[in-house]
PDB file of N, CA and C in Angstrom:
ATOM      1  N   MET A   1      21.885   7.457 -12.100  1.00  0.00           N
ATOM      2  CA  MET A   1      20.447   7.557 -11.925  1.00  0.00           C
ATOM      3  C   MET A   1      19.927   6.301 -11.242  1.00  0.00           C
ATOM      4  N   ILE A   2      18.889   6.513 -10.460  1.00  0.00           N
ATOM      5  CA  ILE A   2      18.272   5.394  -9.776  1.00  0.00           C
ATOM      6  C   ILE A   2      16.772   5.645  -9.699  1.00  0.00           C
ATOM      7  N   THR A   3      16.003   4.597  -9.948  1.00  0.00           N
ATOM      8  CA  THR A   3      14.549   4.697  -9.835  1.00  0.00           C
ATOM      9  C   THR A   3      14.145   4.221  -8.451  1.00  0.00           C
ATOM     10  N   LEU A   4      13.374   5.055  -7.760  1.00  0.00           N
ATOM     11  CA  LEU A   4      12.962   4.762  -6.394  1.00  0.00           C
ATOM     12  C   LEU A   4      11.449   4.700  -6.274  1.00  0.00           C
ATOM     13  N   ASN A   5      10.988   3.855  -5.377  1.00  0.00           N
ATOM     14  CA  ASN A   5       9.585   3.815  -5.004  1.00  0.00           C
ATOM     15  C   ASN A   5       9.244   5.158  -4.380  1.00  0.00           C
ATOM     16  N   ILE A   6       8.031   5.630  -4.562  1.00  0.00           N
ATOM     17  CA  ILE A   6       7.622   6.938  -4.061  1.00  0.00           C
ATOM     18  C   ILE A   6       7.834   7.057  -2.550  1.00  0.00           C
ATOM     19  N   ASP A   7       7.724   5.956  -1.819  1.00  0.00           N
ATOM     20  CA  ASP A   7       7.917   5.989  -0.368  1.00  0.00           C
ATOM     21  C   ASP A   7       9.384   6.151   0.033  1.00  0.00           C
ATOM     22  N   ASP A   8      10.308   5.966  -0.923  1.00  0.00           N
ATOM     23  CA  ASP A   8      11.733   6.088  -0.633  1.00  0.00           C
ATOM     24  C   ASP A   8      12.310   7.438  -1.056  1.00  0.00           C
ATOM     25  N   ILE A   9      11.489   8.272  -1.683  1.00  0.00           N
ATOM     26  CA  ILE A   9      11.941   9.595  -2.122  1.00  0.00           C
ATOM     27  C   ILE A   9      12.065  10.506  -0.905  1.00  0.00           C
ATOM     28  N   LYS A  10      13.152  11.277  -0.859  1.00  0.00           N
ATOM     29  CA  LYS A  10      13.406  12.204   0.243  1.00  0.00           C
ATOM     30  C   LYS A  10      13.502  13.629  -0.307  1.00  0.00           C
ATOM     31  N   PRO A  11      13.039  14.607   0.475  1.00  0.00           N
ATOM     32  CA  PRO A  11      13.217  16.004   0.056  1.00  0.00           C
ATOM     33  C   PRO A  11      14.695  16.297  -0.192  1.00  0.00           C
ATOM     34  N   GLY A  12      14.964  17.050  -1.231  1.00  0.00           N
ATOM     35  CA  GLY A  12      16.333  17.404  -1.579  1.00  0.00           C
ATOM     36  C   GLY A  12      16.893  16.596  -2.735  1.00  0.00           C
ATOM     37  N   MET A  13      16.280  15.448  -3.037  1.00  0.00           N
ATOM     38  CA  MET A  13      16.744  14.653  -4.174  1.00  0.00           C
ATOM     39  C   MET A  13      16.426  15.413  -5.469  1.00  0.00           C
ATOM     40  N   ILE A  14      17.239  15.166  -6.499  1.00  0.00           N
ATOM     41  CA  ILE A  14      17.078  15.862  -7.774  1.00  0.00           C
ATOM     42  C   ILE A  14      16.571  14.882  -8.816  1.00  0.00           C
ATOM     43  N   LEU A  15      15.513  15.284  -9.509  1.00  0.00           N
ATOM     44  CA  LEU A  15      14.901  14.410 -10.508  1.00  0.00           C
ATOM     45  C   LEU A  15      15.777  14.269 -11.745  1.00  0.00           C
ATOM     46  N   ALA A  16      15.933  13.045 -12.214  1.00  0.00           N
ATOM     47  CA  ALA A  16      16.666  12.769 -13.444  1.00  0.00           C
ATOM     48  C   ALA A  16      15.727  12.857 -14.647  1.00  0.00           C
ATOM     49  N   HIS A  17      14.452  12.559 -14.426  1.00  0.00           N
ATOM     50  CA  HIS A  17      13.445  12.603 -15.489  1.00  0.00           C
ATOM     51  C   HIS A  17      12.233  13.378 -14.983  1.00  0.00           C
ATOM     52  N   PRO A  18      11.459  13.976 -15.895  1.00  0.00           N
ATOM     53  CA  PRO A  18      10.255  14.672 -15.445  1.00  0.00           C
ATOM     54  C   PRO A  18       9.262  13.684 -14.833  1.00  0.00           C
ATOM     55  N   VAL A  19       8.430  14.176 -13.933  1.00  0.00           N
ATOM     56  CA  VAL A  19       7.394  13.349 -13.317  1.00  0.00           C
ATOM     57  C   VAL A  19       6.057  13.794 -13.887  1.00  0.00           C
ATOM     58  N   ARG A  20       5.309  12.826 -14.396  1.00  0.00           N
ATOM     59  CA  ARG A  20       4.000  13.109 -14.992  1.00  0.00           C
ATOM     60  C   ARG A  20       2.941  12.240 -14.319  1.00  0.00           C
ATOM     61  N   ASN A  21       1.715  12.750 -14.294  1.00  0.00           N
ATOM     62  CA  ASN A  21       0.624  11.936 -13.748  1.00  0.00           C
ATOM     63  C   ASN A  21       0.179  10.934 -14.806  1.00  0.00           C
ATOM     64  N   HIS A  22      -0.821  10.121 -14.505  1.00  0.00           N
ATOM     65  CA  HIS A  22      -1.261   9.067 -15.424  1.00  0.00           C
ATOM     66  C   HIS A  22      -1.878   9.625 -16.702  1.00  0.00           C
ATOM     67  N   GLN A  23      -2.216  10.917 -16.722  1.00  0.00           N
ATOM     68  CA  GLN A  23      -2.760  11.557 -17.919  1.00  0.00           C
ATOM     69  C   GLN A  23      -1.677  12.252 -18.739  1.00  0.00           C
ATOM     70  N   GLY A  24      -0.445  12.183 -18.264  1.00  0.00           N
ATOM     71  CA  GLY A  24       0.672  12.790 -18.974  1.00  0.00           C
ATOM     72  C   GLY A  24       0.935  14.242 -18.614  1.00  0.00           C
ATOM     73  N   VAL A  25       0.222  14.766 -17.636  1.00  0.00           N
ATOM     74  CA  VAL A  25       0.419  16.151 -17.221  1.00  0.00           C
ATOM     75  C   VAL A  25       1.700  16.252 -16.399  1.00  0.00           C
ATOM     76  N   LEU A  26       2.532  17.221 -16.742  1.00  0.00           N
ATOM     77  CA  LEU A  26       3.796  17.420 -16.046  1.00  0.00           C
ATOM     78  C   LEU A  26       3.545  17.883 -14.614  1.00  0.00           C
ATOM     79  N   LEU A  27       4.101  17.137 -13.662  1.00  0.00           N
ATOM     80  CA  LEU A  27       4.000  17.513 -12.251  1.00  0.00           C
ATOM     81  C   LEU A  27       5.261  18.236 -11.786  1.00  0.00           C
ATOM     82  N   LEU A  28       6.425  17.787 -12.277  1.00  0.00           N
ATOM     83  CA  LEU A  28       7.689  18.427 -11.923  1.00  0.00           C
ATOM     84  C   LEU A  28       8.725  18.076 -12.981  1.00  0.00           C
ATOM     85  N   GLU A  29       9.465  19.081 -13.413  1.00  0.00           N
ATOM     86  CA  GLU A  29      10.418  18.890 -14.501  1.00  0.00           C
ATOM     87  C   GLU A  29      11.706  18.215 -14.033  1.00  0.00           C
ATOM     88  N   ALA A  30      12.413  17.628 -14.984  1.00  0.00           N
ATOM     89  CA  ALA A  30      13.711  17.019 -14.695  1.00  0.00           C
ATOM     90  C   ALA A  30      14.668  18.091 -14.205  1.00  0.00           C
ATOM     91  N   GLY A  31      15.529  17.723 -13.257  1.00  0.00           N
ATOM     92  CA  GLY A  31      16.494  18.661 -12.721  1.00  0.00           C
ATOM     93  C   GLY A  31      15.995  19.423 -11.502  1.00  0.00           C
ATOM     94  N   ALA A  32      14.712  19.285 -11.185  1.00  0.00           N
ATOM     95  CA  ALA A  32      14.154  19.988 -10.025  1.00  0.00           C
ATOM     96  C   ALA A  32      14.491  19.249  -8.744  1.00  0.00           C
ATOM     97  N   ARG A  33      14.639  20.004  -7.678  1.00  0.00           N
ATOM     98  CA  ARG A  33      14.872  19.436  -6.353  1.00  0.00           C
ATOM     99  C   ARG A  33      13.508  19.110  -5.748  1.00  0.00           C
ATOM    100  N   VAL A  34      13.342  17.891  -5.254  1.00  0.00           N
ATOM    101  CA  VAL A  34      12.071  17.419  -4.709  1.00  0.00           C
ATOM    102  C   VAL A  34      11.862  17.975  -3.300  1.00  0.00           C
ATOM    103  N   SER A  35      10.652  18.450  -3.024  1.00  0.00           N
ATOM    104  CA  SER A  35      10.283  18.932  -1.692  1.00  0.00           C
ATOM    105  C   SER A  35       9.245  17.987  -1.084  1.00  0.00           C
ATOM    106  N   LYS A  36       8.948  18.169   0.203  1.00  0.00           N
ATOM    107  CA  LYS A  36       7.896  17.376   0.849  1.00  0.00           C
ATOM    108  C   LYS A  36       6.572  17.589   0.137  1.00  0.00           C
ATOM    109  N   LYS A  37       6.300  18.820  -0.258  1.00  0.00           N
ATOM    110  CA  LYS A  37       5.058  19.135  -0.953  1.00  0.00           C
ATOM    111  C   LYS A  37       4.981  18.379  -2.279  1.00  0.00           C
ATOM    112  N   ASN A  38       6.094  18.317  -3.010  1.00  0.00           N
ATOM    113  CA  ASN A  38       6.123  17.568  -4.265  1.00  0.00           C
ATOM    114  C   ASN A  38       5.787  16.107  -4.035  1.00  0.00           C
ATOM    115  N   ILE A  39       6.347  15.517  -2.980  1.00  0.00           N
ATOM    116  CA  ILE A  39       6.100  14.106  -2.685  1.00  0.00           C
ATOM    117  C   ILE A  39       4.623  13.879  -2.395  1.00  0.00           C
ATOM    118  N   ARG A  40       4.008  14.785  -1.632  1.00  0.00           N
ATOM    119  CA  ARG A  40       2.561  14.669  -1.354  1.00  0.00           C
ATOM    120  C   ARG A  40       1.753  14.746  -2.652  1.00  0.00           C
ATOM    121  N   ILE A  41       2.143  15.642  -3.540  1.00  0.00           N
ATOM    122  CA  ILE A  41       1.445  15.781  -4.824  1.00  0.00           C
ATOM    123  C   ILE A  41       1.609  14.522  -5.659  1.00  0.00           C
ATOM    124  N   PHE A  42       2.827  13.983  -5.727  1.00  0.00           N
ATOM    125  CA  PHE A  42       3.057  12.746  -6.483  1.00  0.00           C
ATOM    126  C   PHE A  42       2.149  11.636  -5.959  1.00  0.00           C
ATOM    127  N   LYS A  43       2.104  11.484  -4.650  1.00  0.00           N
ATOM    128  CA  LYS A  43       1.269  10.432  -4.060  1.00  0.00           C
ATOM    129  C   LYS A  43      -0.202  10.659  -4.372  1.00  0.00           C
ATOM    130  N   SER A  44      -0.642  11.904  -4.307  1.00  0.00           N
ATOM    131  CA  SER A  44      -2.065  12.182  -4.570  1.00  0.00           C
ATOM    132  C   SER A  44      -2.432  11.908  -6.027  1.00  0.00           C
ATOM    133  N   TRP A  45      -1.460  11.999  -6.938  1.00  0.00           N
ATOM    134  CA  TRP A  45      -1.710  11.701  -8.348  1.00  0.00           C
ATOM    135  C   TRP A  45      -1.431  10.239  -8.691  1.00  0.00           C
ATOM    136  N   GLY A  46      -1.039   9.458  -7.716  1.00  0.00           N
ATOM    137  CA  GLY A  46      -0.824   8.036  -7.952  1.00  0.00           C
ATOM    138  C   GLY A  46       0.515   7.687  -8.566  1.00  0.00           C
ATOM    139  N   VAL A  47       1.481   8.589  -8.480  1.00  0.00           N
ATOM    140  CA  VAL A  47       2.820   8.304  -8.991  1.00  0.00           C
ATOM    141  C   VAL A  47       3.442   7.246  -8.080  1.00  0.00           C
ATOM    142  N   LEU A  48       3.935   6.173  -8.663  1.00  0.00           N
ATOM    143  CA  LEU A  48       4.481   5.064  -7.876  1.00  0.00           C
ATOM    144  C   LEU A  48       5.981   5.153  -7.653  1.00  0.00           C
ATOM    145  N   GLY A  49       6.684   5.833  -8.546  1.00  0.00           N
ATOM    146  CA  GLY A  49       8.128   5.950  -8.421  1.00  0.00           C
ATOM    147  C   GLY A  49       8.661   7.046  -9.313  1.00  0.00           C
ATOM    148  N   VAL A  50       9.877   7.480  -9.033  1.00  0.00           N
ATOM    149  CA  VAL A  50      10.542   8.497  -9.834  1.00  0.00           C
ATOM    150  C   VAL A  50      12.009   8.126  -9.987  1.00  0.00           C
ATOM    151  N   THR A  51      12.662   8.733 -10.969  1.00  0.00           N
ATOM    152  CA  THR A  51      14.088   8.520 -11.187  1.00  0.00           C
ATOM    153  C   THR A  51      14.832   9.760 -10.719  1.00  0.00           C
ATOM    154  N   VAL A  52      15.819   9.539  -9.856  1.00  0.00           N
ATOM    155  CA  VAL A  52      16.602  10.651  -9.327  1.00  0.00           C
ATOM    156  C   VAL A  52      18.048  10.542  -9.777  1.00  0.00           C
ATOM    157  N   LYS A  53      18.746  11.669  -9.735  1.00  0.00           N
ATOM    158  CA  LYS A  53      20.156  11.688 -10.110  1.00  0.00           C
ATOM    159  C   LYS A  53      20.997  11.099  -8.998  1.00  0.00           C
ATOM    160  N   GLY A  54      22.118  10.498  -9.372  1.00  0.00           N
ATOM    161  CA  GLY A  54      23.040   9.935  -8.406  1.00  0.00           C
ATOM    162  C   GLY A  54      22.524   8.637  -7.834  1.00  0.00           C
ATOM    163  N   ASN A  55      23.091   8.252  -6.702  1.00  0.00           N
ATOM    164  CA  ASN A  55      22.597   7.083  -6.004  1.00  0.00           C
ATOM    165  C   ASN A  55      22.082   7.533  -4.643  1.00  0.00           C
ATOM    166  N   VAL A  56      21.380   6.689  -3.957  1.00  0.00           N
ATOM    167  CA  VAL A  56      20.715   7.074  -2.717  1.00  0.00           C
ATOM    168  C   VAL A  56      21.722   7.535  -1.664  1.00  0.00           C
ATOM    169  N   ALA A  57      22.780   6.773  -1.462  1.00  0.00           N
ATOM    170  CA  ALA A  57      23.767   7.130  -0.430  1.00  0.00           C
ATOM    171  C   ALA A  57      24.423   8.465  -0.763  1.00  0.00           C
ATOM    172  N   GLU A  58      24.768   8.671  -2.026  1.00  0.00           N
ATOM    173  CA  GLU A  58      25.402   9.912  -2.461  1.00  0.00           C
ATOM    174  C   GLU A  58      24.449  11.086  -2.265  1.00  0.00           C
ATOM    175  N   THR A  59      23.199  10.912  -2.612  1.00  0.00           N
ATOM    176  CA  THR A  59      22.208  11.971  -2.461  1.00  0.00           C
ATOM    177  C   THR A  59      21.982  12.291  -0.995  1.00  0.00           C
ATOM    178  N   GLN A  60      21.876  11.271  -0.153  1.00  0.00           N
ATOM    179  CA  GLN A  60      21.679  11.484   1.277  1.00  0.00           C
ATOM    180  C   GLN A  60      22.881  12.211   1.885  1.00  0.00           C
ATOM    181  N   ASP A  61      24.094  11.831   1.470  1.00  0.00           N
ATOM    182  CA  ASP A  61      25.300  12.507   1.955  1.00  0.00           C
ATOM    183  C   ASP A  61      25.282  13.983   1.574  1.00  0.00           C
ATOM    184  N   ARG A  62      24.864  14.277   0.345  1.00  0.00           N
ATOM    185  CA  ARG A  62      24.808  15.665  -0.125  1.00  0.00           C
ATOM    186  C   ARG A  62      23.821  16.471   0.714  1.00  0.00           C
ATOM    187  N   ILE A  63      22.667  15.889   1.007  1.00  0.00           N
ATOM    188  CA  ILE A  63      21.648  16.572   1.816  1.00  0.00           C
ATOM    189  C   ILE A  63      22.180  16.817   3.224  1.00  0.00           C
ATOM    190  N   GLU A  64      22.801  15.799   3.813  1.00  0.00           N
ATOM    191  CA  GLU A  64      23.348  15.946   5.163  1.00  0.00           C
ATOM    192  C   GLU A  64      24.455  16.999   5.199  1.00  0.00           C
ATOM    193  N   ASN A  65      25.315  17.034   4.174  1.00  0.00           N
ATOM    194  CA  ASN A  65      26.375  18.036   4.113  1.00  0.00           C
ATOM    195  C   ASN A  65      25.798  19.439   3.990  1.00  0.00           C
ATOM    196  N   MET A  66      24.740  19.591   3.194  1.00  0.00           N
ATOM    197  CA  MET A  66      24.101  20.887   3.047  1.00  0.00           C
ATOM    198  C   MET A  66      23.524  21.340   4.389  1.00  0.00           C
ATOM    199  N   GLU A  67      22.853  20.429   5.100  1.00  0.00           N
ATOM    200  CA  GLU A  67      22.281  20.778   6.397  1.00  0.00           C
ATOM    201  C   GLU A  67      23.373  21.153   7.391  1.00  0.00           C
ATOM    202  N   LEU A  68      24.498  20.456   7.361  1.00  0.00           N
ATOM    203  CA  LEU A  68      25.607  20.768   8.257  1.00  0.00           C
ATOM    204  C   LEU A  68      26.162  22.161   7.954  1.00  0.00           C
ATOM    205  N   ARG A  69      26.325  22.486   6.666  1.00  0.00           N
ATOM    206  CA  ARG A  69      26.823  23.810   6.294  1.00  0.00           C
ATOM    207  C   ARG A  69      25.853  24.904   6.728  1.00  0.00           C
ATOM    208  N   VAL A  70      24.551  24.645   6.588  1.00  0.00           N
ATOM    209  CA  VAL A  70      23.545  25.623   7.018  1.00  0.00           C
ATOM    210  C   VAL A  70      23.628  25.830   8.525  1.00  0.00           C
ATOM    211  N   LYS A  71      23.708  24.732   9.272  1.00  0.00           N
ATOM    212  CA  LYS A  71      23.798  24.830  10.728  1.00  0.00           C
ATOM    213  C   LYS A  71      25.046  25.607  11.150  1.00  0.00           C
ATOM    214  N   GLU A  72      26.167  25.316  10.511  1.00  0.00           N
ATOM    215  CA  GLU A  72      27.404  26.027  10.834  1.00  0.00           C
ATOM    216  C   GLU A  72      27.281  27.512  10.516  1.00  0.00           C
ATOM    217  N   SER A  73      26.649  27.837   9.403  1.00  0.00           N
ATOM    218  CA  SER A  73      26.455  29.239   9.029  1.00  0.00           C
ATOM    219  C   SER A  73      25.554  29.959  10.031  1.00  0.00           C
ATOM    220  N   ILE A  74      24.487  29.302  10.450  1.00  0.00           N
ATOM    221  CA  ILE A  74      23.572  29.883  11.438  1.00  0.00           C
ATOM    222  C   ILE A  74      24.316  30.128  12.744  1.00  0.00           C
ATOM    223  N   GLU A  75      25.082  29.132  13.200  1.00  0.00           N
ATOM    224  CA  GLU A  75      25.816  29.277  14.453  1.00  0.00           C
ATOM    225  C   GLU A  75      26.867  30.378  14.366  1.00  0.00           C
ATOM    226  N   LYS A  76      27.512  30.506  13.224  1.00  0.00           N
ATOM    227  CA  LYS A  76      28.518  31.567  13.053  1.00  0.00           C
ATOM    228  C   LYS A  76      27.869  32.940  13.185  1.00  0.00           C
ATOM    229  N   LYS A  77      26.725  33.126  12.531  1.00  0.00           N
ATOM    230  CA  LYS A  77      26.043  34.421  12.605  1.00  0.00           C
ATOM    231  C   LYS A  77      25.527  34.696  14.010  1.00  0.00           C
ATOM    232  N   LEU A  78      25.026  33.656  14.671  1.00  0.00           N
ATOM    233  CA  LEU A  78      24.548  33.841  16.043  1.00  0.00           C
ATOM    234  C   LEU A  78      25.701  34.163  16.991  1.00  0.00           C
ATOM    235  N   LYS A  79      26.857  33.530  16.784  1.00  0.00           N
ATOM    236  CA  LYS A  79      28.009  33.798  17.653  1.00  0.00           C
ATOM    237  C   LYS A  79      28.430  35.263  17.557  1.00  0.00           C
ATOM    238  N   GLU A  80      28.276  35.856  16.373  1.00  0.00           N
ATOM    239  CA  GLU A  80      28.587  37.278  16.219  1.00  0.00           C
ATOM    240  C   GLU A  80      27.669  38.118  17.107  1.00  0.00           C
ATOM    241  N   LYS A  81      26.418  37.722  17.204  1.00  0.00           N
ATOM    242  CA  LYS A  81      25.444  38.462  18.001  1.00  0.00           C
ATOM    243  C   LYS A  81      25.569  38.168  19.500  1.00  0.00           C
ATOM    244  N   PHE A  82      25.994  36.962  19.840  1.00  0.00           N
ATOM    245  CA  PHE A  82      26.073  36.528  21.236  1.00  0.00           C
ATOM    246  C   PHE A  82      27.494  36.582  21.792  1.00  0.00           C
ATOM    247  N   CYS A  83      28.442  37.102  21.032  1.00  0.00           N
ATOM    248  CA  CYS A  83      29.862  36.991  21.391  1.00  0.00           C
ATOM    249  C   CYS A  83      30.190  37.519  22.789  1.00  0.00           C
ATOM    250  N   ASP A  84      29.506  38.530  23.250  1.00  0.00           N
ATOM    251  CA  ASP A  84      29.833  39.124  24.551  1.00  0.00           C
ATOM    252  C   ASP A  84      29.154  38.438  25.728  1.00  0.00           C
ATOM    253  N   VAL A  85      28.260  37.485  25.461  1.00  0.00           N
ATOM    254  CA  VAL A  85      27.465  36.919  26.558  1.00  0.00           C
ATOM    255  C   VAL A  85      27.537  35.400  26.656  1.00  0.00           C
ATOM    256  N   LEU A  86      28.387  34.764  25.872  1.00  0.00           N
ATOM    257  CA  LEU A  86      28.425  33.302  25.863  1.00  0.00           C
ATOM    258  C   LEU A  86      29.100  32.691  27.091  1.00  0.00           C
ATOM    259  N   ASP A  87      29.555  33.512  28.005  1.00  0.00           N
ATOM    260  CA  ASP A  87      30.086  32.974  29.260  1.00  0.00           C
ATOM    261  C   ASP A  87      28.969  32.797  30.294  1.00  0.00           C
ATOM    262  N   ASP A  88      27.775  33.283  29.964  1.00  0.00           N
ATOM    263  CA  ASP A  88      26.605  33.139  30.839  1.00  0.00           C
ATOM    264  C   ASP A  88      25.837  31.881  30.418  1.00  0.00           C
ATOM    265  N   PRO A  89      25.645  30.900  31.323  1.00  0.00           N
ATOM    266  CA  PRO A  89      24.968  29.641  30.965  1.00  0.00           C
ATOM    267  C   PRO A  89      23.545  29.851  30.416  1.00  0.00           C
ATOM    268  N   ILE A  90      22.839  30.831  30.911  1.00  0.00           N
ATOM    269  CA  ILE A  90      21.487  31.098  30.410  1.00  0.00           C
ATOM    270  C   ILE A  90      21.540  31.585  28.965  1.00  0.00           C
ATOM    271  N   MET A  91      22.502  32.447  28.666  1.00  0.00           N
ATOM    272  CA  MET A  91      22.642  32.945  27.294  1.00  0.00           C
ATOM    273  C   MET A  91      23.079  31.828  26.347  1.00  0.00           C
ATOM    274  N   VAL A  92      23.866  30.886  26.850  1.00  0.00           N
ATOM    275  CA  VAL A  92      24.257  29.728  26.032  1.00  0.00           C
ATOM    276  C   VAL A  92      23.016  28.918  25.670  1.00  0.00           C
ATOM    277  N   GLU A  93      22.110  28.729  26.612  1.00  0.00           N
ATOM    278  CA  GLU A  93      20.870  28.002  26.335  1.00  0.00           C
ATOM    279  C   GLU A  93      20.009  28.754  25.322  1.00  0.00           C
ATOM    280  N   ILE A  94      19.943  30.073  25.446  1.00  0.00           N
ATOM    281  CA  ILE A  94      19.191  30.885  24.480  1.00  0.00           C
ATOM    282  C   ILE A  94      19.834  30.763  23.097  1.00  0.00           C
ATOM    283  N   PHE A  95      21.167  30.808  23.066  1.00  0.00           N
ATOM    284  CA  PHE A  95      21.905  30.640  21.809  1.00  0.00           C
ATOM    285  C   PHE A  95      21.558  29.298  21.163  1.00  0.00           C
ATOM    286  N   ASN A  96      21.604  28.211  21.963  1.00  0.00           N
ATOM    287  CA  ASN A  96      21.302  26.869  21.437  1.00  0.00           C
ATOM    288  C   ASN A  96      19.864  26.783  20.935  1.00  0.00           C
ATOM    289  N   ALA A  97      18.923  27.357  21.681  1.00  0.00           N
ATOM    290  CA  ALA A  97      17.517  27.335  21.267  1.00  0.00           C
ATOM    291  C   ALA A  97      17.331  28.109  19.965  1.00  0.00           C
ATOM    292  N   ALA A  98      17.977  29.261  19.852  1.00  0.00           N
ATOM    293  CA  ALA A  98      17.872  30.061  18.630  1.00  0.00           C
ATOM    294  C   ALA A  98      18.461  29.309  17.439  1.00  0.00           C
ATOM    295  N   SER A  99      19.585  28.647  17.656  1.00  0.00           N
ATOM    296  CA  SER A  99      20.216  27.878  16.592  1.00  0.00           C
ATOM    297  C   SER A  99      19.306  26.754  16.101  1.00  0.00           C
ATOM    298  N   LYS A 100      18.718  26.011  17.036  1.00  0.00           N
ATOM    299  CA  LYS A 100      17.815  24.910  16.667  1.00  0.00           C
ATOM    300  C   LYS A 100      16.594  25.433  15.922  1.00  0.00           C
ATOM    301  N   GLN A 101      16.021  26.536  16.410  1.00  0.00           N
ATOM    302  CA  GLN A 101      14.825  27.089  15.774  1.00  0.00           C
ATOM    303  C   GLN A 101      15.115  27.575  14.358  1.00  0.00           C
ATOM    304  N   LEU A 102      16.208  28.298  14.174  1.00  0.00           N
ATOM    305  CA  LEU A 102      16.562  28.787  12.838  1.00  0.00           C
ATOM    306  C   LEU A 102      16.853  27.634  11.882  1.00  0.00           C
ATOM    307  N   THR A 103      17.488  26.575  12.372  1.00  0.00           N
ATOM    308  CA  THR A 103      17.749  25.401  11.540  1.00  0.00           C
ATOM    309  C   THR A 103      16.448  24.724  11.143  1.00  0.00           C
ATOM    310  N   ARG A 104      15.505  24.580  12.098  1.00  0.00           N
ATOM    311  CA  ARG A 104      14.193  23.994  11.780  1.00  0.00           C
ATOM    312  C   ARG A 104      13.453  24.830  10.739  1.00  0.00           C
ATOM    313  N   GLU A 105      13.485  26.148  10.897  1.00  0.00           N
ATOM    314  CA  GLU A 105      12.811  27.028   9.948  1.00  0.00           C
ATOM    315  C   GLU A 105      13.415  26.895   8.560  1.00  0.00           C
ATOM    316  N   PHE A 106      14.744  26.787   8.484  1.00  0.00           N
ATOM    317  CA  PHE A 106      15.390  26.614   7.195  1.00  0.00           C
ATOM    318  C   PHE A 106      14.932  25.316   6.533  1.00  0.00           C
ATOM    319  N   ARG A 107      14.934  24.213   7.307  1.00  0.00           N
ATOM    320  CA  ARG A 107      14.509  22.921   6.758  1.00  0.00           C
ATOM    321  C   ARG A 107      13.070  22.980   6.273  1.00  0.00           C
ATOM    322  N   LYS A 108      12.206  23.609   7.060  1.00  0.00           N
ATOM    323  CA  LYS A 108      10.794  23.719   6.683  1.00  0.00           C
ATOM    324  C   LYS A 108      10.659  24.504   5.388  1.00  0.00           C
ATOM    325  N   ASN A 109      11.357  25.633   5.285  1.00  0.00           N
ATOM    326  CA  ASN A 109      11.281  26.445   4.077  1.00  0.00           C
ATOM    327  C   ASN A 109      11.834  25.704   2.877  1.00  0.00           C
ATOM    328  N   GLU A 110      12.914  24.960   3.059  1.00  0.00           N
ATOM    329  CA  GLU A 110      13.480  24.181   1.965  1.00  0.00           C
ATOM    330  C   GLU A 110      12.534  23.090   1.496  1.00  0.00           C
ATOM    331  N   SER A 111      11.915  22.394   2.435  1.00  0.00           N
ATOM    332  CA  SER A 111      11.064  21.279   2.054  1.00  0.00           C
ATOM    333  C   SER A 111       9.739  21.753   1.458  1.00  0.00           C
ATOM    334  N   GLU A 112       9.324  22.979   1.758  1.00  0.00           N
ATOM    335  CA  GLU A 112       8.068  23.492   1.217  1.00  0.00           C
ATOM    336  C   GLU A 112       8.308  24.330  -0.030  1.00  0.00           C
ATOM    337  N   ASP A 113       9.549  24.479  -0.395  1.00  0.00           N
ATOM    338  CA  ASP A 113       9.892  25.276  -1.571  1.00  0.00           C
ATOM    339  C   ASP A 113       9.225  24.693  -2.805  1.00  0.00           C
ATOM    340  N   GLU A 114       8.466  25.520  -3.511  1.00  0.00           N
ATOM    341  CA  GLU A 114       7.734  25.026  -4.682  1.00  0.00           C
ATOM    342  C   GLU A 114       8.610  25.082  -5.921  1.00  0.00           C
ATOM    343  N   HIS A 115       8.450  24.103  -6.787  1.00  0.00           N
ATOM    344  CA  HIS A 115       9.202  24.027  -8.037  1.00  0.00           C
ATOM    345  C   HIS A 115       8.274  23.956  -9.236  1.00  0.00           C
ATOM    346  N   PHE A 116       7.093  24.516  -9.119  1.00  0.00           N
ATOM    347  CA  PHE A 116       6.145  24.483 -10.232  1.00  0.00           C
ATOM    348  C   PHE A 116       6.219  25.779 -10.999  1.00  0.00           C
TER     349      PHE A 116
END
């Protein structure tokens, strides 16, 4: 476990302890994965820091590995759909654009995922 300043919290980190506002109201339970929305809420309630599981480097590695697996999965599914046309440079560009867009959408959905 490590306690981090609110400005050092990243989406995807897992809380080791519940986060409460200054009145003791539960904002997010222990074990929840932090999203961008959660971080905005913590800041708006004046939360200065939280305790997360693991260490920062380990948590960042886990997030990066998850994103890599998602990207690989997206590309695999797209290759199934584009398999007959990937010898065309224009279709390769469309494939790359689709891959980037789907990856961005996944990240956005993950970071906005509510845990309340």
